[in-house]
C-alpha atoms as a PDB file:
ATOM      1  CA  ALA A   1       0.000   0.000   0.000  1.00  0.00           C
ATOM      2  CA  PRO A   2       1.242   3.551  -0.596  1.00  0.00           C
ATOM      3  CA  SER A   3       1.255   4.209   3.146  1.00  0.00           C
ATOM      4  CA  GLY A   4       3.851   1.441   3.606  1.00  0.00           C
ATOM      5  CA  LEU A   5       6.272   2.513   0.878  1.00  0.00           C
ATOM      6  CA  ARG A   6       8.376   4.667   3.185  1.00  0.00           C
ATOM      7  CA  ALA A   7       8.814   1.877   5.730  1.00  0.00           C
ATOM      8  CA  ALA A   8       9.540  -0.679   3.016  1.00  0.00           C
ATOM      9  CA  TRP A   9      12.202   1.565   1.500  1.00  0.00           C
ATOM     10  CA  ALA A  10      13.838   2.071   4.906  1.00  0.00           C
ATOM     11  CA  GLN A  11      14.065  -1.724   5.298  1.00  0.00           C
ATOM     12  CA  ARG A  12      15.096  -2.468   1.710  1.00  0.00           C
ATOM     13  CA  TRP A  13      18.379  -4.121   2.744  1.00  0.00           C
ATOM     14  CA  SER A  14      16.759  -6.566   5.154  1.00  0.00           C
ATOM     15  CA  VAL A  15      13.346  -7.501   3.748  1.00  0.00           C
ATOM     16  CA  ALA A  16      14.556  -8.894   0.435  1.00  0.00           C
ATOM     17  CA  PRO A  17      17.012 -11.786  -0.144  1.00  0.00           C
ATOM     18  CA  ALA A  18      20.378 -10.522  -1.330  1.00  0.00           C
ATOM     19  CA  GLY A  19      21.088 -13.294  -3.844  1.00  0.00           C
ATOM     20  CA  ARG A  20      24.806 -13.857  -4.467  1.00  0.00           C
ATOM     21  CA  ALA A  21      25.693 -11.197  -1.867  1.00  0.00           C
ATOM     22  CA  ALA A  22      23.740 -12.943   0.881  1.00  0.00           C
ATOM     23  CA  GLY A  23      25.560 -14.012   4.011  1.00  0.00           C
ATOM     24  CA  PRO A  24      24.699 -16.630   6.651  1.00  0.00           C
ATOM     25  CA  LEU A  25      21.559 -14.679   7.600  1.00  0.00           C
ATOM     26  CA  GLU A  26      20.465 -14.513   3.945  1.00  0.00           C
ATOM     27  CA  LEU A  27      20.965 -10.757   4.059  1.00  0.00           C
ATOM     28  CA  ARG A  28      23.300  -8.553   2.043  1.00  0.00           C
ATOM     29  CA  THR A  29      26.855  -8.544   3.388  1.00  0.00           C
ATOM     30  CA  ARG A  30      30.042  -6.582   2.745  1.00  0.00           C
ATOM     31  CA  GLY A  31      33.734  -7.309   3.064  1.00  0.00           C
ATOM     32  CA  VAL A  32      35.259  -7.221   6.532  1.00  0.00           C
ATOM     33  CA  VAL A  33      38.842  -6.553   7.635  1.00  0.00           C
ATOM     34  CA  VAL A  34      39.986  -8.339  10.798  1.00  0.00           C
ATOM     35  CA  ALA A  35      43.366  -7.290  12.207  1.00  0.00           C
ATOM     36  CA  MET A  36      45.267  -9.561  14.596  1.00  0.00           C
ATOM     37  CA  VAL A  37      47.760  -7.783  16.835  1.00  0.00           C
ATOM     38  CA  GLY A  38      49.949  -9.042  19.643  1.00  0.00           C
ATOM     39  CA  THR A  39      53.483 -10.081  20.446  1.00  0.00           C
ATOM     40  CA  ASP A  40      54.987 -13.293  19.110  1.00  0.00           C
ATOM     41  CA  GLY A  41      53.572 -16.240  21.029  1.00  0.00           C
ATOM     42  CA  SER A  42      50.291 -14.557  21.944  1.00  0.00           C
ATOM     43  CA  GLY A  43      48.313 -16.892  19.665  1.00  0.00           C
ATOM     44  CA  LYS A  44      47.607 -14.802  16.566  1.00  0.00           C
ATOM     45  CA  SER A  45      48.178 -17.625  14.079  1.00  0.00           C
ATOM     46  CA  THR A  46      46.025 -20.090  16.013  1.00  0.00           C
ATOM     47  CA  VAL A  47      43.139 -17.638  16.348  1.00  0.00           C
ATOM     48  CA  ALA A  48      43.402 -16.653  12.678  1.00  0.00           C
ATOM     49  CA  ARG A  49      43.261 -20.281  11.547  1.00  0.00           C
ATOM     50  CA  GLN A  50      40.287 -21.130  13.772  1.00  0.00           C
ATOM     51  CA  LEU A  51      38.474 -17.964  12.705  1.00  0.00           C
ATOM     52  CA  ALA A  52      38.916 -18.757   9.004  1.00  0.00           C
ATOM     53  CA  GLU A  53      37.642 -22.300   9.509  1.00  0.00           C
ATOM     54  CA  ARG A  54      34.544 -21.142  11.418  1.00  0.00           C
ATOM     55  CA  LEU A  55      33.707 -18.417   8.905  1.00  0.00           C
ATOM     56  CA  GLU A  56      34.049 -20.755   5.938  1.00  0.00           C
ATOM     57  CA  VAL A  57      31.576 -23.137   7.585  1.00  0.00           C
ATOM     58  CA  LEU A  58      29.145 -20.208   7.778  1.00  0.00           C
ATOM     59  CA  GLY A  59      29.585 -19.565   4.074  1.00  0.00           C
ATOM     60  CA  TYR A  60      32.062 -16.669   4.130  1.00  0.00           C
ATOM     61  CA  ASP A  61      34.977 -16.481   1.744  1.00  0.00           C
ATOM     62  CA  THR A  62      38.176 -15.587   3.583  1.00  0.00           C
ATOM     63  CA  ALA A  63      41.561 -14.193   2.585  1.00  0.00           C
ATOM     64  CA  GLU A  64      44.849 -13.565   4.391  1.00  0.00           C
ATOM     65  CA  ALA A  65      47.166 -10.543   4.435  1.00  0.00           C
ATOM     66  CA  TYR A  66      50.507 -10.055   6.181  1.00  0.00           C
ATOM     67  CA  PHE A  67      51.449  -6.681   7.671  1.00  0.00           C
ATOM     68  CA  GLY A  68      54.521  -7.713   9.626  1.00  0.00           C
ATOM     69  CA  MET A  69      57.979  -6.203   9.386  1.00  0.00           C
ATOM     70  CA  ALA A  70      60.023  -9.204   8.324  1.00  0.00           C
ATOM     71  CA  ARG A  71      63.564  -8.356   7.313  1.00  0.00           C
ATOM     72  CA  GLY A  72      62.821  -9.402   3.740  1.00  0.00           C
ATOM     73  CA  ASN A  73      60.251  -6.619   3.482  1.00  0.00           C
ATOM     74  CA  LEU A  74      62.964  -3.985   3.705  1.00  0.00           C
ATOM     75  CA  PRO A  75      65.210  -4.538   0.660  1.00  0.00           C
ATOM     76  CA  GLY A  76      66.758  -1.047   0.903  1.00  0.00           C
ATOM     77  CA  VAL A  77      68.652  -1.712   4.150  1.00  0.00           C
ATOM     78  CA  ASP A  78      71.789  -3.074   2.455  1.00  0.00           C
ATOM     79  CA  LEU A  79      71.835  -0.175   0.001  1.00  0.00           C
ATOM     80  CA  ALA A  80      71.378   2.322   2.834  1.00  0.00           C
ATOM     81  CA  ARG A  81      74.344   0.815   4.662  1.00  0.00           C
ATOM     82  CA  LYS A  82      76.551   1.252   1.591  1.00  0.00           C
ATOM     83  CA  VAL A  83      75.423   4.823   0.928  1.00  0.00           C
ATOM     84  CA  LEU A  84      75.908   5.847   4.568  1.00  0.00           C
ATOM     85  CA  GLY A  85      79.135   3.883   4.980  1.00  0.00           C
ATOM     86  CA  ILE A  86      77.741   1.715   7.762  1.00  0.00           C
ATOM     87  CA  ALA A  87      79.743  -1.447   8.404  1.00  0.00           C
ATOM     88  CA  PRO A  88      77.748  -4.417   9.727  1.00  0.00           C
ATOM     89  CA  GLU A  89      78.453  -5.155  13.375  1.00  0.00           C
ATOM     90  CA  PRO A  90      79.243  -8.696  14.569  1.00  0.00           C
ATOM     91  CA  ASP A  91      76.369 -10.817  15.749  1.00  0.00           C
ATOM     92  CA  ARG A  92      75.706 -10.449  19.479  1.00  0.00           C
ATOM     93  CA  THR A  93      75.760 -14.213  20.003  1.00  0.00           C
ATOM     94  CA  GLU A  94      79.053 -14.619  18.149  1.00  0.00           C
ATOM     95  CA  ALA A  95      80.585 -11.769  20.146  1.00  0.00           C
ATOM     96  CA  THR A  96      79.558 -13.443  23.406  1.00  0.00           C
ATOM     97  CA  GLN A  97      80.990 -16.777  22.320  1.00  0.00           C
ATOM     98  CA  ALA A  98      84.236 -15.096  21.329  1.00  0.00           C
ATOM     99  CA  GLN A  99      84.623 -13.767  24.904  1.00  0.00           C
ATOM    100  CA  PRO A 100      83.854 -16.753  27.125  1.00  0.00           C
ATOM    101  CA  ASP A 101      85.573 -15.174  30.146  1.00  0.00           C
ATOM    102  CA  SER A 102      83.330 -12.120  30.151  1.00  0.00           C
ATOM    103  CA  THR A 103      81.274 -11.829  33.335  1.00  0.00           C
ATOM    104  CA  GLU A 104      78.882  -9.226  31.952  1.00  0.00           C
ATOM    105  CA  PRO A 105      75.590 -10.806  30.869  1.00  0.00           C
ATOM    106  CA  ALA A 106      74.173 -10.105  27.445  1.00  0.00           C
ATOM    107  CA  GLN A 107      71.493  -7.458  27.481  1.00  0.00           C
ATOM    108  CA  ALA A 108      68.134  -8.008  25.825  1.00  0.00           C
ATOM    109  CA  GLY A 109      65.742  -5.244  24.948  1.00  0.00           C
ATOM    110  CA  PRO A 110      66.479  -1.593  25.791  1.00  0.00           C
ATOM    111  CA  THR A 111      69.770  -0.545  27.356  1.00  0.00           C
ATOM    112  CA  GLN A 112      70.628   2.605  29.218  1.00  0.00           C
ATOM    113  CA  ASN A 113      72.535   4.226  26.378  1.00  0.00           C
ATOM    114  CA  GLY A 114      71.734   2.022  23.409  1.00  0.00           C
ATOM    115  CA  PRO A 115      68.727   1.534  21.156  1.00  0.00           C
ATOM    116  CA  THR A 116      65.883  -0.852  21.835  1.00  0.00           C
ATOM    117  CA  GLN A 117      65.942  -4.144  19.980  1.00  0.00           C
ATOM    118  CA  ILE A 118      62.906  -4.176  17.691  1.00  0.00           C
ATOM    119  CA  GLU A 119      61.499  -7.230  15.972  1.00  0.00           C
ATOM    120  CA  GLY A 120      62.500  -7.602  12.337  1.00  0.00           C
ATOM    121  CA  VAL A 121      65.385  -5.099  12.364  1.00  0.00           C
ATOM    122  CA  ASP A 122      68.954  -5.825  13.425  1.00  0.00           C
ATOM    123  CA  SER A 123      70.789  -3.873  16.114  1.00  0.00           C
ATOM    124  CA  GLU A 124      73.211  -2.273  13.659  1.00  0.00           C
ATOM    125  CA  GLU A 125      70.267  -0.683  11.868  1.00  0.00           C
ATOM    126  CA  LEU A 126      68.738   0.568  15.121  1.00  0.00           C
ATOM    127  CA  ALA A 127      71.969   2.308  16.004  1.00  0.00           C
ATOM    128  CA  TYR A 128      71.535   4.760  13.106  1.00  0.00           C
ATOM    129  CA  PRO A 129      68.575   7.138  13.470  1.00  0.00           C
ATOM    130  CA  LEU A 130      68.611   8.165   9.810  1.00  0.00           C
ATOM    131  CA  VAL A 131      68.205   4.580   8.645  1.00  0.00           C
ATOM    132  CA  ARG A 132      65.413   4.026  11.135  1.00  0.00           C
ATOM    133  CA  ARG A 133      63.541   7.170  10.086  1.00  0.00           C
ATOM    134  CA  VAL A 134      63.785   6.216   6.426  1.00  0.00           C
ATOM    135  CA  ALA A 135      62.688   2.661   7.252  1.00  0.00           C
ATOM    136  CA  ALA A 136      59.582   3.969   9.033  1.00  0.00           C
ATOM    137  CA  TRP A 137      58.471   5.893   5.933  1.00  0.00           C
ATOM    138  CA  PHE A 138      59.313   2.924   3.754  1.00  0.00           C
ATOM    139  CA  TYR A 139      57.012   0.748   5.840  1.00  0.00           C
ATOM    140  CA  ALA A 140      54.250   3.367   5.771  1.00  0.00           C
ATOM    141  CA  ALA A 141      54.320   3.312   1.966  1.00  0.00           C
ATOM    142  CA  GLU A 142      54.596  -0.474   2.003  1.00  0.00           C
ATOM    143  CA  TYR A 143      51.533  -0.776   4.226  1.00  0.00           C
ATOM    144  CA  ALA A 144      49.529   1.437   1.872  1.00  0.00           C
ATOM    145  CA  TRP A 145      50.653  -0.710  -1.063  1.00  0.00           C
ATOM    146  CA  ARG A 146      49.797  -3.972   0.691  1.00  0.00           C
ATOM    147  CA  TYR A 147      46.325  -2.732   1.588  1.00  0.00           C
ATOM    148  CA  THR A 148      45.669  -1.478  -1.943  1.00  0.00           C
ATOM    149  CA  ARG A 149      47.094  -4.575  -3.596  1.00  0.00           C
ATOM    150  CA  HIS A 150      45.793  -7.363  -1.351  1.00  0.00           C
ATOM    151  CA  VAL A 151      43.137  -6.163   1.107  1.00  0.00           C
ATOM    152  CA  ALA A 152      40.980  -3.713  -0.855  1.00  0.00           C
ATOM    153  CA  PRO A 153      40.252  -6.117  -3.779  1.00  0.00           C
ATOM    154  CA  ALA A 154      39.209  -8.860  -1.335  1.00  0.00           C
ATOM    155  CA  VAL A 155      36.914  -6.434   0.505  1.00  0.00           C
ATOM    156  CA  ARG A 156      35.282  -5.531  -2.800  1.00  0.00           C
ATOM    157  CA  ARG A 157      34.686  -9.237  -3.373  1.00  0.00           C
ATOM    158  CA  ARG A 158      32.871  -9.310   0.005  1.00  0.00           C
ATOM    159  CA  GLU A 159      35.508 -11.522   1.600  1.00  0.00           C
ATOM    160  CA  VAL A 160      36.662 -11.503   5.202  1.00  0.00           C
ATOM    161  CA  VAL A 161      40.332 -10.496   5.185  1.00  0.00           C
ATOM    162  CA  ILE A 162      42.274 -11.738   8.217  1.00  0.00           C
ATOM    163  CA  CYS A 163      45.415  -9.626   8.659  1.00  0.00           C
ATOM    164  CA  ASP A 164      48.455 -10.829  10.560  1.00  0.00           C
ATOM    165  CA  ARG A 165      49.441  -7.566  12.325  1.00  0.00           C
ATOM    166  CA  TYR A 166      48.488  -4.110  11.077  1.00  0.00           C
ATOM    167  CA  VAL A 167      49.784  -0.564  10.652  1.00  0.00           C
ATOM    168  CA  TYR A 168      49.799  -0.023  14.430  1.00  0.00           C
ATOM    169  CA  ASP A 169      53.182  -1.773  14.632  1.00  0.00           C
ATOM    170  CA  LEU A 170      54.711   1.411  13.207  1.00  0.00           C
ATOM    171  CA  ARG A 171      54.068   3.193  16.491  1.00  0.00           C
ATOM    172  CA  ASP A 172      57.036   1.444  18.079  1.00  0.00           C
ATOM    173  CA  SER A 173      59.117   0.124  15.210  1.00  0.00           C
ATOM    174  CA  PRO A 174      61.481   0.905  13.589  1.00  0.00           C
ATOM    175  CA  TRP A 175      61.456   4.523  14.873  1.00  0.00           C
ATOM    176  CA  PRO A 176      59.189   5.043  17.913  1.00  0.00           C
ATOM    177  CA  GLY A 177      57.008   8.120  17.583  1.00  0.00           C
ATOM    178  CA  SER A 178      57.713   8.590  13.886  1.00  0.00           C
ATOM    179  CA  PRO A 179      55.225  10.754  11.932  1.00  0.00           C
ATOM    180  CA  ALA A 180      55.174   7.859   9.463  1.00  0.00           C
ATOM    181  CA  ALA A 181      52.994   5.927  11.926  1.00  0.00           C
ATOM    182  CA  ARG A 182      50.338   8.653  11.990  1.00  0.00           C
ATOM    183  CA  PHE A 183      50.554   8.989   8.203  1.00  0.00           C
ATOM    184  CA  ALA A 184      50.029   5.241   7.739  1.00  0.00           C
ATOM    185  CA  GLN A 185      46.979   5.256  10.023  1.00  0.00           C
ATOM    186  CA  ARG A 186      45.467   8.052   7.938  1.00  0.00           C
ATOM    187  CA  ILE A 187      45.957   6.487   4.524  1.00  0.00           C
ATOM    188  CA  VAL A 188      45.248   2.855   5.485  1.00  0.00           C
ATOM    189  CA  PRO A 189      41.603   2.372   6.522  1.00  0.00           C
ATOM    190  CA  PRO A 190      41.125   1.091  10.074  1.00  0.00           C
ATOM    191  CA  PRO A 191      40.069  -2.540  10.476  1.00  0.00           C
ATOM    192  CA  ASP A 192      36.465  -3.424  11.130  1.00  0.00           C
ATOM    193  CA  VAL A 193      37.424  -5.788  13.948  1.00  0.00           C
ATOM    194  CA  LEU A 194      40.648  -5.490  15.975  1.00  0.00           C
ATOM    195  CA  VAL A 195      41.668  -8.622  17.888  1.00  0.00           C
ATOM    196  CA  LEU A 196      44.334  -9.065  20.563  1.00  0.00           C
ATOM    197  CA  PRO A 197      45.013 -12.698  21.515  1.00  0.00           C
ATOM    198  CA  ASP A 198      46.303 -12.597  25.094  1.00  0.00           C
ATOM    199  CA  ALA A 199      47.605 -14.933  27.763  1.00  0.00           C
ATOM    200  CA  PRO A 200      49.749 -14.724  30.902  1.00  0.00           C
ATOM    201  CA  ALA A 201      53.209 -13.357  30.112  1.00  0.00           C
ATOM    202  CA  GLU A 202      54.897 -16.539  31.351  1.00  0.00           C
ATOM    203  CA  LEU A 203      52.854 -18.666  28.952  1.00  0.00           C
ATOM    204  CA  ILE A 204      53.599 -16.370  26.012  1.00  0.00           C
ATOM    205  CA  HIS A 205      57.295 -16.508  26.877  1.00  0.00           C
ATOM    206  CA  ALA A 206      57.192 -20.299  27.059  1.00  0.00           C
ATOM    207  CA  ARG A 207      55.842 -20.360  23.504  1.00  0.00           C
ATOM    208  CA  LYS A 208      58.464 -17.928  22.183  1.00  0.00           C
ATOM    209  CA  PRO A 209      61.461 -18.082  24.560  1.00  0.00           C
ATOM    210  CA  GLU A 210      63.778 -16.422  22.044  1.00  0.00           C
ATOM    211  CA  ARG A 211      62.313 -13.066  23.074  1.00  0.00           C
ATOM    212  CA  SER A 212      62.616 -11.581  26.548  1.00  0.00           C
ATOM    213  CA  LEU A 213      59.752 -11.972  29.022  1.00  0.00           C
ATOM    214  CA  ALA A 214      59.840  -8.274  29.877  1.00  0.00           C
ATOM    215  CA  GLY A 215      59.760  -7.267  26.220  1.00  0.00           C
ATOM    216  CA  GLN A 216      56.793  -9.499  25.456  1.00  0.00           C
ATOM    217  CA  ALA A 217      54.864  -8.247  28.481  1.00  0.00           C
ATOM    218  CA  ALA A 218      55.535  -4.618  27.557  1.00  0.00           C
ATOM    219  CA  GLN A 219      54.391  -5.177  24.003  1.00  0.00           C
ATOM    220  CA  GLN A 220      51.143  -6.835  25.119  1.00  0.00           C
ATOM    221  CA  LYS A 221      50.515  -3.915  27.475  1.00  0.00           C
ATOM    222  CA  ALA A 222      50.965  -1.472  24.588  1.00  0.00           C
ATOM    223  CA  PHE A 223      48.465  -3.420  22.482  1.00  0.00           C
ATOM    224  CA  ARG A 224      45.907  -3.405  25.312  1.00  0.00           C
ATOM    225  CA  GLU A 225      46.260   0.377  25.441  1.00  0.00           C
ATOM    226  CA  LEU A 226      45.743   0.474  21.687  1.00  0.00           C
ATOM    227  CA  LEU A 227      42.441  -1.411  21.959  1.00  0.00           C
ATOM    228  CA  ALA A 228      41.342   0.988  24.714  1.00  0.00           C
ATOM    229  CA  GLU A 229      41.549   3.771  22.106  1.00  0.00           C
ATOM    230  CA  GLN A 230      38.821   1.959  20.104  1.00  0.00           C
ATOM    231  CA  PRO A 231      40.395   2.553  16.679  1.00  0.00           C
ATOM    232  CA  ALA A 232      38.343  -0.121  14.855  1.00  0.00           C
ATOM    233  CA  ARG A 233      35.111   0.522  12.978  1.00  0.00           C
ATOM    234  CA  CYS A 234      33.007  -2.083  14.756  1.00  0.00           C
ATOM    235  CA  ALA A 235      34.693  -3.961  17.608  1.00  0.00           C
ATOM    236  CA  GLU A 236      37.872  -4.426  19.630  1.00  0.00           C
ATOM    237  CA  LEU A 237      38.294  -7.800  21.312  1.00  0.00           C
ATOM    238  CA  ILE A 238      40.815  -9.304  23.730  1.00  0.00           C
ATOM    239  CA  LEU A 239      40.800 -13.110  23.569  1.00  0.00           C
ATOM    240  CA  ASP A 240      42.063 -15.460  26.245  1.00  0.00           C
ATOM    241  CA  THR A 241      44.421 -17.855  24.456  1.00  0.00           C
ATOM    242  CA  SER A 242      45.684 -19.537  27.619  1.00  0.00           C
ATOM    243  CA  GLY A 243      43.350 -22.496  27.049  1.00  0.00           C
ATOM    244  CA  ALA A 244      40.954 -21.605  29.863  1.00  0.00           C
ATOM    245  CA  ASP A 245      38.243 -20.621  27.373  1.00  0.00           C
ATOM    246  CA  PRO A 246      37.184 -23.651  25.296  1.00  0.00           C
ATOM    247  CA  ASP A 247      35.778 -21.424  22.529  1.00  0.00           C
ATOM    248  CA  ALA A 248      37.846 -18.245  22.626  1.00  0.00           C
ATOM    249  CA  VAL A 249      37.246 -17.468  18.951  1.00  0.00           C
ATOM    250  CA  ALA A 250      33.434 -17.317  19.267  1.00  0.00           C
ATOM    251  CA  PRO A 251      33.298 -13.558  20.053  1.00  0.00           C
ATOM    252  CA  VAL A 252      35.319 -12.797  16.928  1.00  0.00           C
ATOM    253  CA  VAL A 253      32.992 -14.883  14.755  1.00  0.00           C
ATOM    254  CA  ALA A 254      30.003 -12.995  16.149  1.00  0.00           C
ATOM    255  CA  ALA A 255      31.718  -9.638  15.614  1.00  0.00           C
ATOM    256  CA  VAL A 256      32.548 -10.485  11.993  1.00  0.00           C
ATOM    257  CA  VAL A 257      28.984 -11.596  11.246  1.00  0.00           C
ATOM    258  CA  GLN A 258      27.665  -8.384  12.766  1.00  0.00           C
ATOM    259  CA  ALA A 259      30.181  -6.209  10.904  1.00  0.00           C
ATOM    260  CA  SER A 260      29.433  -7.899   7.587  1.00  0.00           C
ATOM    261  CA  HIS A 261      25.753  -6.951   7.864  1.00  0.00           C
ATOM    262  CA  HIS A 262      26.320  -3.345   8.917  1.00  0.00           C
ATOM    263  CA  ALA A 263      26.997  -0.416   6.608  1.00  0.00           C
ATOM    264  CA  ARG A 264      30.576   0.806   6.741  1.00  0.00           C
ATOM    265  CA  ARG A 265      30.985   3.829   8.955  1.00  0.00           C
ATOM    266  CA  SER A 266      33.695   6.108  10.280  1.00  0.00           C
ATOM    267  CA  PRO A 267      35.964   4.810  13.066  1.00  0.00           C
ATOM    268  CA  ARG A 268      34.534   5.149  16.563  1.00  0.00           C
ATOM    269  CA  ARG A 269      36.126   7.796  18.769  1.00  0.00           C
END
């Protein structure tokens, strides 16, 4: 009836089947970006795998994207060393083995006068601020490229893109406080769902003992503070990956289903 046209139009996305775009609720869906953050050993890979399996059972197509700072992602480091005349320093382990009589223990993480060891970048690079500043801008551009090349097309195909890490890593590495981090967060859209797998620091350290316990705990604390800022479009979730929760991934599945049925909106403040 004419009197119901206005109400029908307001509900046009939910009253009619969406055909090929329909999700598990037989309603129109959109692509969703899920970002996994956390220190090594927190459980990101396990949660990502379980999430993909659960979503595929529901009928979602999923994709993966990597936003880490592996050494191979920075091909200009060797060239920068040559241009700046930087000679590689000996490996810390080799130096310790070469001085077996030394009573001074090897230092891990930040030192009083030296740079902080950051994942994915060697200590000789951290010792040179210029290299670190340039690396930060390189990663900012690289993040924009990765999103444009891998994430955006999958979102247009209405897939759920599960990202291993995200642009927020630039806040602390390779140059803490670099303007490149703020630039990257402006040009790379925020994720729809931001997930932090978490567990007691001792358990995380047992999974990845090659990193210091204090460093892992500090990094997890920084990520909890990040989630408190609510930078995601739809939801921020902290998951217990200690094994105490038999279905820790369930809240993420629910958040993705909800996000896929909602119109995209500006990040929450």
